[in-house]
N, C-alpha and C. Protein backbone atom coordinates (compact mmCIF):
# COMPACT_ATOMS: atom_id res chain seq x y z
N UNK A 1 -70.96 75.10 119.37
CA UNK A 1 -69.53 75.31 119.07
C UNK A 1 -69.76 74.08 119.99
N UNK A 2 -68.20 73.40 119.91
CA UNK A 2 -68.17 72.29 120.58
C UNK A 2 -67.07 73.04 121.62
N UNK A 3 -66.64 72.66 122.51
CA UNK A 3 -65.78 72.70 123.79
C UNK A 3 -64.65 71.50 123.75
N UNK A 4 -64.63 71.02 122.83
CA UNK A 4 -63.22 70.89 122.49
C UNK A 4 -61.55 71.60 122.02
N UNK A 5 -61.19 71.78 122.75
CA UNK A 5 -59.72 72.66 122.52
C UNK A 5 -59.60 72.51 121.15
N UNK A 6 -59.35 73.02 119.98
CA UNK A 6 -58.42 72.87 118.62
C UNK A 6 -56.83 72.77 119.41
N UNK A 7 -55.83 71.50 118.89
CA UNK A 7 -54.84 71.79 118.90
C UNK A 7 -53.48 72.61 118.70
N UNK A 8 -53.03 73.07 119.19
CA UNK A 8 -52.34 74.02 118.92
C UNK A 8 -51.10 74.63 118.50
N UNK A 9 -50.13 74.87 118.12
CA UNK A 9 -48.92 74.78 117.49
C UNK A 9 -48.30 73.84 117.94
N UNK A 10 -47.98 73.13 119.56
CA UNK A 10 -47.74 71.75 120.18
C UNK A 10 -48.33 71.02 119.15
N UNK A 11 -49.20 71.23 120.06
CA UNK A 11 -50.14 69.01 119.21
C UNK A 11 -50.43 69.31 117.46
N UNK A 12 -49.99 70.69 116.63
CA UNK A 12 -49.95 69.66 115.31
C UNK A 12 -48.39 69.57 115.01
N UNK A 13 -47.49 70.09 116.32
CA UNK A 13 -45.80 69.88 115.69
C UNK A 13 -45.57 68.30 116.27
N UNK A 14 -46.80 67.91 117.43
CA UNK A 14 -46.67 66.77 117.44
C UNK A 14 -47.42 65.91 116.57
N UNK A 15 -48.29 66.12 115.46
CA UNK A 15 -49.12 65.28 115.00
C UNK A 15 -48.31 65.17 113.89
N UNK A 16 -47.54 65.93 113.70
CA UNK A 16 -46.56 66.32 112.12
C UNK A 16 -45.47 65.19 112.31
N UNK A 17 -44.79 65.23 113.57
CA UNK A 17 -44.35 64.28 113.54
C UNK A 17 -43.75 63.01 113.92
N UNK A 18 -45.35 63.05 113.96
CA UNK A 18 -45.55 60.91 113.76
C UNK A 18 -45.70 60.65 112.61
N UNK A 19 -45.70 61.29 111.55
CA UNK A 19 -45.83 60.84 110.49
C UNK A 19 -44.79 59.94 109.46
N UNK A 20 -44.53 59.30 109.68
CA UNK A 20 -43.84 58.31 108.65
C UNK A 20 -42.86 59.04 107.75
N UNK A 21 -41.71 59.00 107.97
CA UNK A 21 -39.95 59.65 107.47
C UNK A 21 -40.00 59.35 106.14
N UNK A 22 -40.13 59.65 104.94
CA UNK A 22 -39.57 59.06 103.87
C UNK A 22 -38.72 60.02 102.81
N UNK A 23 -37.99 59.28 102.36
CA UNK A 23 -37.34 60.09 101.29
C UNK A 23 -37.66 59.74 99.81
N UNK A 24 -38.08 60.64 99.31
CA UNK A 24 -37.92 60.11 97.69
C UNK A 24 -37.56 60.30 97.21
N UNK A 25 -36.52 60.43 95.90
CA UNK A 25 -36.27 61.27 94.69
C UNK A 25 -37.24 61.51 94.07
N UNK A 26 -37.30 62.82 93.44
CA UNK A 26 -38.16 63.12 92.44
C UNK A 26 -37.87 63.92 91.24
N UNK A 27 -36.67 64.75 91.16
CA UNK A 27 -36.21 64.61 90.12
C UNK A 27 -34.55 64.44 89.51
N UNK A 28 -34.70 63.88 88.43
CA UNK A 28 -33.38 63.83 88.09
C UNK A 28 -32.53 64.86 88.23
N UNK A 29 -31.20 64.46 88.72
CA UNK A 29 -30.44 66.39 89.21
C UNK A 29 -30.24 67.24 87.91
N UNK A 30 -30.22 65.67 86.80
CA UNK A 30 -30.15 66.68 85.05
C UNK A 30 -30.77 67.93 84.67
N UNK A 31 -32.31 67.82 85.55
CA UNK A 31 -33.11 68.72 85.40
C UNK A 31 -32.60 70.01 85.82
N UNK A 32 -32.08 70.07 87.17
CA UNK A 32 -31.81 71.21 87.45
C UNK A 32 -30.05 71.30 86.76
N UNK A 33 -29.98 71.36 85.86
CA UNK A 33 -28.62 72.08 85.36
C UNK A 33 -28.32 73.16 85.94
N UNK A 34 -27.38 73.96 86.00
CA UNK A 34 -26.87 75.11 86.52
C UNK A 34 -26.14 76.01 84.97
N UNK A 35 -26.27 76.58 84.84
CA UNK A 35 -26.41 77.40 83.80
C UNK A 35 -24.48 77.83 83.31
N UNK A 36 -24.17 77.37 82.81
CA UNK A 36 -22.85 77.80 82.65
C UNK A 36 -22.44 79.40 81.84
N UNK A 37 -21.05 80.33 82.22
CA UNK A 37 -21.18 80.95 81.26
C UNK A 37 -21.55 81.18 80.00
N UNK A 38 -21.46 80.40 78.92
CA UNK A 38 -21.08 79.65 77.34
C UNK A 38 -23.01 79.79 76.93
N UNK A 39 -23.30 79.50 78.06
CA UNK A 39 -25.39 79.67 78.39
C UNK A 39 -25.42 80.90 77.54
N UNK A 40 -26.90 80.84 76.95
CA UNK A 40 -27.94 81.80 76.30
C UNK A 40 -29.15 81.62 76.84
N UNK A 41 -29.16 82.62 77.23
CA UNK A 41 -30.51 82.36 77.28
C UNK A 41 -31.44 83.68 76.70
N UNK A 42 -33.03 82.78 76.26
CA UNK A 42 -33.73 83.16 75.20
C UNK A 42 -35.09 82.74 75.95
N UNK A 43 -36.09 83.78 75.54
CA UNK A 43 -37.07 84.64 76.52
C UNK A 43 -37.92 83.76 74.61
N UNK A 44 -39.63 82.53 75.41
CA UNK A 44 -40.16 82.37 74.37
C UNK A 44 -41.64 82.50 74.98
N UNK A 45 -43.03 84.01 73.78
CA UNK A 45 -43.78 83.76 74.33
C UNK A 45 -44.60 82.99 73.23
N UNK A 46 -45.56 82.09 74.51
CA UNK A 46 -46.26 81.21 73.95
C UNK A 46 -47.99 81.65 74.19
N UNK A 47 -48.72 80.98 73.30
CA UNK A 47 -50.33 81.52 73.26
C UNK A 47 -50.49 81.18 74.89
N UNK A 48 -51.15 81.71 75.17
CA UNK A 48 -52.01 80.63 75.84
C UNK A 48 -52.59 79.22 75.90
N UNK A 49 -53.16 78.97 75.00
CA UNK A 49 -53.39 77.21 75.21
C UNK A 49 -52.23 76.41 75.06
N UNK A 50 -51.07 76.75 73.74
CA UNK A 50 -50.32 76.29 74.20
C UNK A 50 -49.75 76.15 75.51
N UNK A 51 -49.48 77.60 76.11
CA UNK A 51 -48.96 77.22 77.32
C UNK A 51 -49.42 75.71 78.42
N UNK A 52 -50.63 76.26 78.01
CA UNK A 52 -51.28 74.97 78.65
C UNK A 52 -51.11 73.63 78.70
N UNK A 53 -51.52 73.54 77.47
CA UNK A 53 -50.90 71.89 76.60
C UNK A 53 -49.53 71.88 77.01
N UNK A 54 -48.27 72.47 77.03
CA UNK A 54 -46.92 72.44 76.82
C UNK A 54 -47.22 71.42 79.10
N UNK A 55 -48.13 72.86 79.92
CA UNK A 55 -48.21 72.77 81.38
C UNK A 55 -48.56 70.64 81.27
N UNK A 56 -50.08 70.83 81.07
CA UNK A 56 -50.50 69.87 81.22
C UNK A 56 -49.70 68.64 80.93
N UNK A 57 -48.05 68.29 79.82
CA UNK A 57 -47.76 67.72 79.04
C UNK A 57 -46.49 67.22 80.83
N UNK A 58 -45.98 68.56 80.32
CA UNK A 58 -44.99 68.75 82.01
C UNK A 58 -45.46 67.80 82.70
N UNK A 59 -46.74 68.06 83.01
CA UNK A 59 -47.00 67.00 84.98
C UNK A 59 -47.60 65.56 84.08
N UNK A 60 -47.82 65.84 83.17
CA UNK A 60 -48.43 64.23 83.40
C UNK A 60 -46.82 63.38 83.22
N UNK A 61 -46.15 63.84 82.48
CA UNK A 61 -45.23 63.45 82.17
C UNK A 61 -43.47 63.42 83.36
N UNK A 62 -44.10 63.94 84.25
CA UNK A 62 -43.12 64.46 85.48
C UNK A 62 -42.07 65.55 85.27
N UNK A 63 -42.15 65.61 84.02
CA UNK A 63 -41.25 66.51 83.47
C UNK A 63 -41.17 68.03 84.18
N UNK A 64 -40.42 68.53 83.62
CA UNK A 64 -40.17 70.24 83.42
C UNK A 64 -40.63 71.18 82.31
N UNK A 65 -40.87 72.31 82.15
CA UNK A 65 -41.54 73.24 80.65
C UNK A 65 -39.72 72.51 80.01
N UNK A 66 -38.91 73.03 81.09
CA UNK A 66 -37.53 73.27 80.02
C UNK A 66 -36.99 72.10 79.64
N UNK A 67 -37.32 70.81 79.46
CA UNK A 67 -36.88 69.57 79.47
C UNK A 67 -37.33 69.26 78.26
N UNK A 68 -39.11 69.34 78.54
CA UNK A 68 -39.49 69.72 77.29
C UNK A 68 -39.36 70.04 75.52
N UNK A 69 -39.05 71.84 76.10
CA UNK A 69 -38.33 72.10 75.44
C UNK A 69 -36.97 72.38 74.55
N UNK A 70 -36.26 71.24 75.70
CA UNK A 70 -34.83 70.68 75.48
C UNK A 70 -34.92 69.62 74.33
N UNK A 71 -35.68 68.62 74.23
CA UNK A 71 -36.52 67.39 73.74
C UNK A 71 -36.45 67.78 72.28
N UNK A 72 -37.44 69.31 72.45
CA UNK A 72 -38.11 69.67 70.89
C UNK A 72 -37.06 70.20 70.38
N UNK A 73 -35.99 70.80 71.10
CA UNK A 73 -34.60 71.52 69.92
C UNK A 73 -33.73 70.41 69.74
N UNK A 74 -33.77 69.33 70.53
CA UNK A 74 -32.84 68.80 70.22
C UNK A 74 -33.80 67.84 69.12
N UNK A 75 -34.62 67.01 69.27
CA UNK A 75 -35.38 66.84 67.34
C UNK A 75 -35.39 67.77 66.50
N UNK A 76 -35.19 68.91 66.40
CA UNK A 76 -35.49 69.51 65.55
C UNK A 76 -33.87 69.89 64.87
N UNK A 77 -32.91 70.04 66.03
CA UNK A 77 -31.65 69.99 65.49
C UNK A 77 -31.08 68.47 64.27
N UNK A 78 -31.47 67.18 65.13
CA UNK A 78 -30.89 66.20 64.43
C UNK A 78 -31.91 65.86 63.24
N UNK A 79 -33.14 66.75 62.97
CA UNK A 79 -33.92 66.12 62.03
C UNK A 79 -33.26 67.09 60.71
N UNK A 80 -32.74 68.38 61.01
CA UNK A 80 -31.81 69.71 60.02
C UNK A 80 -30.54 68.98 59.38
N UNK A 81 -30.25 67.50 60.32
CA UNK A 81 -28.97 67.49 60.16
C UNK A 81 -27.38 68.04 61.15
N UNK A 82 -28.41 68.96 62.17
CA UNK A 82 -27.17 69.31 62.85
C UNK A 82 -26.53 68.25 63.39
N UNK A 83 -25.81 68.83 64.68
CA UNK A 83 -24.98 67.57 66.07
C UNK A 83 -26.48 68.25 66.73
N UNK A 84 -26.13 66.44 68.28
CA UNK A 84 -27.21 66.63 68.98
C UNK A 84 -27.42 67.67 70.31
N UNK A 85 -28.25 68.64 71.03
CA UNK A 85 -28.08 68.86 72.12
C UNK A 85 -26.89 68.96 72.90
N UNK A 86 -26.86 67.15 73.13
CA UNK A 86 -25.58 67.30 73.92
C UNK A 86 -24.34 66.95 73.32
N UNK A 87 -24.17 66.52 72.23
CA UNK A 87 -22.58 67.66 70.99
C UNK A 87 -22.53 68.48 71.74
N UNK A 88 -23.60 69.50 70.92
CA UNK A 88 -23.46 70.57 71.21
C UNK A 88 -23.31 71.31 71.83
N UNK A 89 -23.78 70.91 73.29
CA UNK A 89 -22.79 71.06 74.54
C UNK A 89 -21.62 70.63 75.18
N UNK A 90 -21.49 69.47 74.72
CA UNK A 90 -20.00 69.12 75.46
C UNK A 90 -19.08 70.01 74.54
N UNK A 91 -19.13 71.21 73.07
CA UNK A 91 -18.87 71.89 72.61
C UNK A 91 -18.26 73.20 73.70
N UNK A 92 -19.37 74.07 74.15
CA UNK A 92 -18.62 74.83 74.85
C UNK A 92 -18.24 74.85 75.88
């Protein structure tokens, strides 16, 4: 075993403190919409492999699964001749 001492908390703190500090935007604010009083909660049960496929798509596209669901619902609404997600949201 080596006689070299492991860096303690202070050593770790000093090492982390020397890392470059950068602020990056990770996701647009729109992904974190706060529900308003008129929003209704919906639970969706998915088969395991469907969930995994959606999780992979969300990860690869750097989107949330919620955003993918909204995108799919918006497409379905417009395909069936209904107003878009955004149009309906504005009515709330």
